[in-house]
Amino acid sequence: MVPENQPDLFQTLIAKGHLKQQVYQNTLNAFQLLKNSILDLDGEYHHRYNHDPKAIPFIRQDRGDFETHLQFAGDVLIFMMHTNIFEFSRYHEVMMTSYVKKDKQRSYCGIINIYNFLADSFKYNRGNDIGYLIGRIFINKDMCYFIEGKRELGMLYNSFGSAKLDEAAARTIVESAILYTVNFDLLTPPYDSQKEISLDEIRFMADSMTLKTGKRLGFQFQADKAED
């Protein structure tokens, strides 16, 4: 028998399980909205520039149920959904909002990460190359979302509980990620970080490009500064 004033164990398990299932389904729906927006952009781009010899590559590719790629010119954006559900630290600013204080279950979120890689990293199979997390989208049981990210992404979507991830929001997120990536240029690494090279690296560079390449390799990648 359950002691008085003590929560029923099985009811607690069921309630928590249903909550996480709901958040997971919302995150999966949000990911599908992002994929649909990428598909729409792909169609619009090729409809407009199908016969233009100056058109750059604009290619989408799904990699399973939880990952999709978008290549444009020399960049690749990877949208990747995590299959687990997370809660924020008690010290996170989200936990201080009135929205979450009114219902703590709102703090449980799914995550969709957005990474930026160089297209040549995939083309030449350069496994040592570096990609960057430019944003991550959090979605909760109410389909409300916010984004932690760089510039165009983070600055536009930093409130929680005031907006839901719908078709329009998904389209804006994808476009903002593309714009940020276009302006996130490949910088020359500091000389001292490149001045030494082994004989093996020289021998195999042409075949496997073992030297790391990344947009900010050798620089401290913090909150956006002038070089970002």
Protein backbone atom coordinates (compact mmCIF):
# COMPACT_ATOMS: atom_id res chain seq x y z
CA MET A 1 0.00 0.00 0.00
CA VAL A 2 1.25 3.49 -0.83
CA PRO A 3 1.77 5.57 2.32
CA GLU A 4 -0.43 8.63 2.66
CA ASN A 5 0.94 11.79 1.00
CA GLN A 6 3.49 9.76 -0.99
CA PRO A 7 3.13 9.85 -4.79
CA ASP A 8 2.13 6.58 -6.40
CA LEU A 9 5.23 5.11 -8.07
CA PHE A 10 3.50 3.73 -11.14
CA GLN A 11 1.43 6.86 -11.72
CA THR A 12 4.63 8.90 -11.55
CA LEU A 13 6.30 6.63 -14.10
CA ILE A 14 3.32 6.80 -16.45
CA ALA A 15 3.00 10.59 -16.20
CA LYS A 16 6.71 11.14 -16.85
CA GLY A 17 6.67 8.69 -19.74
CA HIS A 18 3.68 10.37 -21.39
CA LEU A 19 5.32 13.77 -20.99
CA LYS A 20 8.52 12.65 -22.69
CA GLN A 21 6.59 10.94 -25.47
CA GLN A 22 4.67 14.14 -26.12
CA VAL A 23 7.85 16.23 -26.21
CA TYR A 24 9.51 13.67 -28.51
CA GLN A 25 6.58 13.75 -30.92
CA ASN A 26 6.57 17.56 -30.95
CA THR A 27 10.30 17.58 -31.66
CA LEU A 28 9.85 15.09 -34.47
CA ASN A 29 7.04 17.23 -35.91
CA ALA A 30 9.25 20.32 -35.66
CA PHE A 31 12.07 18.49 -37.43
CA GLN A 32 9.68 17.55 -40.22
CA LEU A 33 8.66 21.20 -40.58
CA LEU A 34 12.33 22.14 -40.97
CA LYS A 35 12.81 19.40 -43.57
CA ASN A 36 9.72 20.63 -45.45
CA SER A 37 11.10 24.18 -45.45
CA ILE A 38 14.40 22.94 -46.87
CA LEU A 39 12.51 20.98 -49.50
CA ASP A 40 10.51 24.08 -50.43
CA LEU A 41 13.66 26.20 -50.71
CA ASP A 42 15.29 23.53 -52.83
CA GLY A 43 12.33 23.56 -55.22
CA GLU A 44 12.17 27.34 -55.37
CA TYR A 45 15.90 27.69 -56.03
CA HIS A 46 15.97 25.18 -58.88
CA HIS A 47 12.78 26.55 -60.39
CA ARG A 48 14.37 30.00 -60.53
CA TYR A 49 17.91 29.04 -61.53
CA ASN A 50 17.44 25.73 -63.33
CA HIS A 51 18.99 26.98 -66.57
CA ASP A 52 21.32 29.62 -65.15
CA PRO A 53 24.99 28.68 -65.80
CA LYS A 54 26.06 30.89 -62.90
CA ALA A 55 23.91 29.07 -60.36
CA ILE A 56 25.73 27.56 -57.38
CA PRO A 57 25.04 24.06 -56.03
CA PHE A 58 21.94 23.97 -53.82
CA ILE A 59 21.40 20.39 -52.76
CA ARG A 60 19.35 18.78 -50.00
CA GLN A 61 19.86 15.22 -48.80
CA ASP A 62 18.16 13.25 -46.05
CA ARG A 63 20.32 10.96 -43.95
CA GLY A 64 17.76 8.85 -42.16
CA ASP A 65 14.86 9.96 -40.00
CA PHE A 66 16.80 12.35 -37.77
CA GLU A 67 19.34 14.05 -40.02
CA THR A 68 19.11 16.18 -43.14
CA HIS A 69 21.78 18.10 -45.07
CA LEU A 70 21.62 21.25 -47.15
CA GLN A 71 24.60 22.18 -49.32
CA PHE A 72 24.92 25.60 -50.91
CA ALA A 73 28.13 26.61 -52.63
CA GLY A 74 31.01 25.63 -50.31
CA ASP A 75 28.97 25.04 -47.16
CA VAL A 76 26.84 22.27 -45.71
CA LEU A 77 24.24 22.76 -42.99
CA ILE A 78 23.35 19.65 -41.00
CA PHE A 79 20.07 19.59 -39.09
CA MET A 80 20.15 16.76 -36.58
CA MET A 81 17.44 15.80 -34.12
CA HIS A 82 18.45 14.20 -30.83
CA THR A 83 16.19 11.30 -29.89
CA ASN A 84 16.33 11.93 -26.13
CA ILE A 85 14.50 14.48 -24.01
CA PHE A 86 16.36 16.92 -21.76
CA GLU A 87 15.66 19.25 -18.87
CA PHE A 88 17.53 22.45 -18.14
CA SER A 89 19.78 22.98 -15.17
CA ARG A 90 18.05 24.69 -12.26
CA TYR A 91 20.40 27.65 -12.87
CA HIS A 92 19.52 28.08 -16.53
CA GLU A 93 17.73 31.32 -17.37
CA VAL A 94 14.80 29.35 -18.80
CA MET A 95 14.05 28.02 -15.32
CA MET A 96 13.66 31.60 -14.08
CA THR A 97 10.91 32.52 -16.53
CA SER A 98 7.31 32.85 -15.38
CA TYR A 99 6.33 30.53 -18.23
CA VAL A 100 8.25 27.61 -16.69
CA LYS A 101 7.54 28.55 -13.08
CA LYS A 102 3.81 28.15 -13.78
CA ASP A 103 4.35 24.62 -15.11
CA LYS A 104 7.70 22.90 -14.57
CA GLN A 105 6.87 20.30 -17.19
CA ARG A 106 7.41 23.02 -19.77
CA SER A 107 11.15 22.82 -19.07
CA TYR A 108 11.43 19.37 -20.68
CA CYS A 109 12.60 19.79 -24.26
CA GLY A 110 13.73 17.97 -27.34
CA ILE A 111 16.73 19.34 -29.22
CA ILE A 112 17.48 19.89 -32.89
CA ASN A 113 21.12 20.84 -33.54
CA ILE A 114 22.30 22.85 -36.56
CA TYR A 115 25.92 22.31 -37.64
CA ASN A 116 27.99 24.02 -40.33
CA PHE A 117 30.67 22.11 -42.24
CA LEU A 118 32.67 22.87 -45.36
CA ALA A 119 31.35 21.05 -48.42
CA ASP A 120 34.90 20.01 -49.32
CA SER A 121 35.15 18.14 -46.01
CA PHE A 122 32.57 15.69 -47.39
CA LYS A 123 33.74 15.84 -51.00
CA TYR A 124 37.30 14.86 -50.12
CA ASN A 125 36.40 12.75 -47.09
CA ARG A 126 38.52 14.90 -44.76
CA GLY A 127 37.65 13.21 -41.50
CA ASN A 128 39.81 15.59 -39.46
CA ASP A 129 37.94 18.71 -40.56
CA ILE A 130 35.99 20.72 -38.02
CA GLY A 131 32.31 21.66 -38.05
CA TYR A 132 30.58 24.17 -35.80
CA LEU A 133 27.35 24.12 -33.87
CA ILE A 134 25.71 27.37 -34.97
CA GLY A 135 22.40 26.84 -33.22
CA ARG A 136 20.22 24.45 -31.29
CA ILE A 137 16.45 24.50 -31.16
CA PHE A 138 14.55 23.50 -28.01
CA ILE A 139 10.92 22.34 -28.32
CA ASN A 140 8.64 21.51 -25.39
CA LYS A 141 5.26 19.85 -24.80
CA ASP A 142 3.37 23.01 -25.86
CA MET A 143 5.28 23.14 -29.17
CA CYS A 144 6.87 26.33 -27.86
CA TYR A 145 10.52 26.82 -28.78
CA PHE A 146 13.57 28.97 -28.39
CA ILE A 147 17.02 28.92 -29.94
CA GLU A 148 20.51 29.17 -28.52
CA GLY A 149 22.77 30.23 -31.35
CA LYS A 150 25.01 32.62 -33.17
CA ARG A 151 23.90 36.03 -34.43
CA GLU A 152 20.91 35.70 -36.76
CA LEU A 153 19.72 32.58 -34.97
CA GLY A 154 20.21 33.39 -31.30
CA MET A 155 19.33 37.06 -31.44
CA LEU A 156 15.96 36.47 -33.07
CA TYR A 157 14.68 33.57 -31.00
CA ASN A 158 15.73 33.99 -27.39
CA SER A 159 12.35 34.00 -25.64
CA PHE A 160 10.45 30.95 -24.43
CA GLY A 161 6.69 30.51 -24.26
CA SER A 162 5.84 33.36 -26.63
CA ALA A 163 6.11 31.54 -29.96
CA LYS A 164 5.31 28.11 -31.34
CA LEU A 165 7.27 26.29 -33.99
CA ASP A 166 4.99 26.32 -37.01
CA GLU A 167 5.61 26.40 -40.77
CA ALA A 168 6.46 30.10 -40.81
CA ALA A 169 8.88 29.76 -37.89
CA ALA A 170 10.58 26.75 -39.48
CA ARG A 171 11.08 28.65 -42.74
CA THR A 172 12.57 31.64 -40.91
CA ILE A 173 14.92 29.41 -38.91
CA VAL A 174 16.26 27.71 -42.04
CA GLU A 175 16.71 31.02 -43.87
CA SER A 176 18.46 32.55 -40.84
CA ALA A 177 20.82 29.57 -40.60
CA ILE A 178 21.69 29.95 -44.28
CA LEU A 179 22.31 33.70 -43.93
CA TYR A 180 24.52 33.21 -40.89
CA THR A 181 26.52 30.52 -42.69
CA VAL A 182 27.00 32.66 -45.80
CA ASN A 183 28.50 35.41 -43.62
CA PHE A 184 30.55 33.00 -41.50
CA ASP A 185 33.68 33.03 -43.65
CA LEU A 186 36.71 30.77 -43.76
CA LEU A 187 39.55 32.65 -42.10
CA THR A 188 43.24 32.02 -42.60
CA PRO A 189 44.54 30.17 -39.53
CA PRO A 190 47.29 31.83 -37.46
CA TYR A 191 50.75 31.17 -38.89
CA ASP A 192 52.08 29.59 -35.70
CA SER A 193 49.32 26.98 -35.70
CA GLN A 194 50.36 25.78 -39.17
CA LYS A 195 54.15 26.18 -39.23
CA GLU A 196 54.98 22.59 -38.26
CA ILE A 197 54.04 19.55 -40.31
CA SER A 198 55.19 15.94 -40.20
CA LEU A 199 56.59 14.05 -43.16
CA ASP A 200 53.66 11.63 -42.99
CA GLU A 201 51.20 14.54 -43.20
CA ILE A 202 52.96 15.84 -46.31
CA ARG A 203 53.04 12.39 -47.88
CA PHE A 204 49.35 11.71 -47.34
CA MET A 205 47.93 15.23 -47.61
CA ALA A 206 47.11 14.94 -51.30
CA ASP A 207 45.21 11.70 -50.78
CA SER A 208 43.48 12.18 -47.46
CA MET A 209 43.92 15.86 -46.57
CA THR A 210 44.91 14.99 -42.99
CA LEU A 211 45.47 18.62 -42.04
CA LYS A 212 42.43 19.94 -40.23
CA THR A 213 40.37 22.63 -41.93
CA GLY A 214 37.66 24.68 -40.29
CA LYS A 215 36.25 28.16 -40.58
CA ARG A 216 37.79 29.28 -37.29
CA LEU A 217 40.53 26.69 -36.80
CA GLY A 218 43.21 28.12 -34.54
CA PHE A 219 40.96 30.91 -33.29
CA GLN A 220 39.05 31.00 -30.04
CA PHE A 221 35.42 30.45 -31.04
CA GLN A 222 33.40 32.35 -28.46
CA ALA A 223 30.44 34.72 -28.68
CA ASP A 224 30.51 36.59 -31.97
CA LYS A 225 33.38 39.04 -32.24
CA ALA A 226 34.47 41.24 -35.10
CA GLU A 227 36.04 38.34 -37.02
CA ASP A 228 32.83 36.28 -36.71
